[in-house]
Structures are given as structure tokens and as C-alpha cells.
């Protein structure tokens, strides 16, 4: 195997891993935002989040932090 082939494979493997991490992060954000909507007002108050904050988070696109 040549150095060029190894570099190419390493580069694409790295890009693929970055893409998988990005999708996993998007899924995590989406799931977390969805779970916020099920918390009670008392729980939200305990963590310092208002219902308005929850609605704001729920309306963000999944790719936005």
C-alpha cells in the first residue's frame, strides 16, 4: 500500500468519523429538546428554565446549538 493510498483512506475515515459525530450530536440535541417539553414547571424552575425557554429551544432547528 502506498503512502498516498494510506493518506487517502485516513482522510476519508477521519471525515466519516466527523460526520458520524455530527449526526450523533444532532440526535442528542433533538432528543434533549424533546425531553424538556415533558418536564413539569416545578422541575424546570429547579433547573432555572422557564416554559418560554423550553418553547424557544423546541423551535430551534436540530443543527443549531
N, C-alpha and C. Protein backbone atom coordinates (compact mmCIF):
# COMPACT_ATOMS: atom_id res chain seq x y z
N UNK A 1 0.84 -1.17 0.00
CA UNK A 1 0.00 0.00 0.00
C UNK A 1 0.89 1.24 0.00
N UNK A 2 0.60 2.17 -0.85
CA UNK A 2 1.42 3.36 -0.95
C UNK A 2 1.03 4.38 0.11
N UNK A 3 1.90 5.36 0.30
CA UNK A 3 1.63 6.43 1.26
C UNK A 3 0.40 7.22 0.82
N UNK A 4 0.26 7.44 -0.47
CA UNK A 4 -0.88 8.19 -0.98
C UNK A 4 -2.20 7.48 -0.66
N UNK A 5 -2.23 6.16 -0.87
CA UNK A 5 -3.44 5.39 -0.58
C UNK A 5 -3.75 5.44 0.92
N UNK A 6 -2.74 5.28 1.76
CA UNK A 6 -2.93 5.32 3.21
C UNK A 6 -3.43 6.68 3.65
N UNK A 7 -2.87 7.75 3.10
CA UNK A 7 -3.30 9.10 3.44
C UNK A 7 -4.74 9.33 3.01
N UNK A 8 -5.09 8.86 1.82
CA UNK A 8 -6.45 8.99 1.31
C UNK A 8 -7.44 8.27 2.23
N UNK A 9 -7.11 7.03 2.60
CA UNK A 9 -8.01 6.25 3.46
C UNK A 9 -8.14 6.90 4.84
N UNK A 10 -7.03 7.37 5.39
CA UNK A 10 -7.06 8.01 6.70
C UNK A 10 -7.90 9.27 6.66
N UNK A 11 -7.73 10.06 5.61
CA UNK A 11 -8.50 11.30 5.47
C UNK A 11 -10.00 11.00 5.40
N UNK A 12 -10.39 10.02 4.59
CA UNK A 12 -11.81 9.70 4.44
C UNK A 12 -12.38 9.06 5.69
N UNK A 13 -11.59 8.27 6.39
CA UNK A 13 -12.04 7.68 7.64
C UNK A 13 -12.27 8.79 8.66
N UNK A 14 -11.36 9.76 8.69
CA UNK A 14 -11.49 10.88 9.61
C UNK A 14 -12.74 11.70 9.29
N UNK A 15 -12.99 11.97 8.02
CA UNK A 15 -14.17 12.73 7.61
C UNK A 15 -15.44 11.96 7.97
N UNK A 16 -15.41 10.64 7.75
CA UNK A 16 -16.58 9.82 8.07
C UNK A 16 -16.85 9.87 9.58
N UNK A 17 -15.81 9.79 10.39
CA UNK A 17 -15.97 9.86 11.85
C UNK A 17 -16.51 11.22 12.28
N UNK A 18 -16.06 12.29 11.64
CA UNK A 18 -16.59 13.61 11.94
C UNK A 18 -18.08 13.69 11.62
N UNK A 19 -18.45 13.13 10.49
CA UNK A 19 -19.85 13.14 10.07
C UNK A 19 -20.71 12.33 11.05
N UNK A 20 -20.23 11.17 11.48
CA UNK A 20 -20.97 10.36 12.45
C UNK A 20 -21.13 11.10 13.77
N UNK A 21 -20.06 11.78 14.22
CA UNK A 21 -20.15 12.56 15.46
C UNK A 21 -21.15 13.70 15.33
N UNK A 22 -21.16 14.35 14.17
CA UNK A 22 -22.10 15.45 13.96
C UNK A 22 -23.55 14.94 13.99
N UNK A 23 -23.84 13.83 13.33
CA UNK A 23 -25.19 13.26 13.36
C UNK A 23 -25.58 12.86 14.78
N UNK A 24 -24.64 12.28 15.52
CA UNK A 24 -24.93 11.89 16.90
C UNK A 24 -25.24 13.12 17.75
N UNK A 25 -24.50 14.20 17.55
CA UNK A 25 -24.76 15.44 18.27
C UNK A 25 -26.13 16.00 17.92
N UNK A 26 -26.49 15.98 16.65
CA UNK A 26 -27.81 16.46 16.24
C UNK A 26 -28.92 15.64 16.87
N UNK A 27 -28.73 14.32 16.93
CA UNK A 27 -29.72 13.46 17.56
C UNK A 27 -29.84 13.77 19.05
N UNK A 28 -28.70 13.97 19.71
CA UNK A 28 -28.70 14.29 21.13
C UNK A 28 -29.44 15.59 21.40
N UNK A 29 -29.17 16.62 20.59
CA UNK A 29 -29.87 17.90 20.75
C UNK A 29 -31.36 17.75 20.58
N UNK A 30 -31.76 17.05 19.54
CA UNK A 30 -33.17 16.87 19.26
C UNK A 30 -33.86 16.13 20.42
N UNK A 31 -33.23 15.07 20.90
CA UNK A 31 -33.79 14.29 22.00
C UNK A 31 -33.88 15.13 23.28
N UNK A 32 -32.83 15.88 23.58
CA UNK A 32 -32.82 16.72 24.79
C UNK A 32 -33.91 17.77 24.74
N UNK A 33 -34.07 18.40 23.60
CA UNK A 33 -35.11 19.43 23.46
C UNK A 33 -36.49 18.82 23.60
N UNK A 34 -36.66 17.65 23.05
CA UNK A 34 -37.95 16.97 23.15
C UNK A 34 -38.24 16.61 24.61
N UNK A 35 -37.23 16.13 25.34
CA UNK A 35 -37.41 15.75 26.73
C UNK A 35 -37.75 16.96 27.61
N UNK A 36 -37.24 18.13 27.25
CA UNK A 36 -37.56 19.33 28.02
C UNK A 36 -39.06 19.57 28.07
N UNK A 37 -39.74 19.27 26.99
CA UNK A 37 -41.18 19.55 26.93
C UNK A 37 -41.98 18.70 27.91
N UNK A 38 -41.42 17.59 28.37
CA UNK A 38 -42.12 16.71 29.30
C UNK A 38 -41.85 17.03 30.77
N UNK A 39 -40.93 17.96 31.04
CA UNK A 39 -40.63 18.31 32.42
C UNK A 39 -41.73 19.19 33.00
N UNK A 40 -41.98 18.99 34.27
CA UNK A 40 -43.00 19.81 34.94
C UNK A 40 -42.47 21.22 35.17
N UNK A 41 -43.37 22.14 35.41
CA UNK A 41 -42.97 23.52 35.70
C UNK A 41 -42.09 23.59 36.94
N UNK A 42 -42.38 22.75 37.93
CA UNK A 42 -41.57 22.72 39.15
C UNK A 42 -40.13 22.27 38.85
N UNK A 43 -40.00 21.25 38.03
CA UNK A 43 -38.67 20.77 37.66
C UNK A 43 -37.92 21.81 36.85
N UNK A 44 -38.62 22.43 35.90
CA UNK A 44 -38.00 23.49 35.10
C UNK A 44 -37.53 24.63 36.01
N UNK A 45 -38.35 24.98 36.99
CA UNK A 45 -37.99 26.03 37.94
C UNK A 45 -36.73 25.63 38.72
N UNK A 46 -36.64 24.36 39.12
CA UNK A 46 -35.48 23.87 39.87
C UNK A 46 -34.19 24.02 39.06
N UNK A 47 -34.28 23.83 37.75
CA UNK A 47 -33.07 23.92 36.93
C UNK A 47 -32.88 25.31 36.31
N UNK A 48 -33.80 26.22 36.66
CA UNK A 48 -33.66 27.61 36.22
C UNK A 48 -34.07 27.86 34.78
N UNK A 49 -35.04 27.09 34.31
CA UNK A 49 -35.52 27.22 32.94
C UNK A 49 -37.01 27.54 32.98
N UNK A 50 -37.43 28.48 32.18
CA UNK A 50 -38.85 28.82 32.11
C UNK A 50 -39.51 28.06 30.97
N UNK A 51 -40.83 28.02 31.00
CA UNK A 51 -41.58 27.38 29.91
C UNK A 51 -41.30 28.11 28.59
N UNK A 52 -41.11 29.41 28.67
CA UNK A 52 -40.76 30.20 27.49
C UNK A 52 -39.41 29.75 26.91
N UNK A 53 -38.43 29.49 27.80
CA UNK A 53 -37.13 28.97 27.35
C UNK A 53 -37.29 27.64 26.63
N UNK A 54 -38.17 26.79 27.17
CA UNK A 54 -38.42 25.48 26.56
C UNK A 54 -38.99 25.66 25.16
N UNK A 55 -39.97 26.54 25.02
CA UNK A 55 -40.56 26.78 23.69
C UNK A 55 -39.51 27.32 22.71
N UNK A 56 -38.66 28.18 23.20
CA UNK A 56 -37.60 28.74 22.35
C UNK A 56 -36.66 27.62 21.89
N UNK A 57 -36.28 26.74 22.81
CA UNK A 57 -35.40 25.61 22.46
C UNK A 57 -36.09 24.66 21.49
N UNK A 58 -37.37 24.40 21.73
CA UNK A 58 -38.10 23.46 20.88
C UNK A 58 -38.20 23.97 19.44
N UNK A 59 -38.19 25.27 19.26
CA UNK A 59 -38.33 25.84 17.92
C UNK A 59 -37.01 26.02 17.18
N UNK A 60 -35.91 25.69 17.83
CA UNK A 60 -34.61 25.76 17.15
C UNK A 60 -34.45 24.56 16.22
N UNK A 61 -33.81 24.75 15.09
CA UNK A 61 -33.51 23.60 14.23
C UNK A 61 -32.51 22.68 14.94
N UNK A 62 -32.54 21.40 14.63
CA UNK A 62 -31.69 20.43 15.33
C UNK A 62 -30.20 20.71 15.15
N UNK A 63 -29.82 21.39 14.08
CA UNK A 63 -28.40 21.64 13.83
C UNK A 63 -27.90 22.88 14.57
N UNK A 64 -28.79 23.63 15.23
CA UNK A 64 -28.41 24.84 15.93
C UNK A 64 -28.18 24.53 17.40
N UNK A 65 -27.03 24.98 17.90
CA UNK A 65 -26.72 24.76 19.33
C UNK A 65 -27.47 25.71 20.20
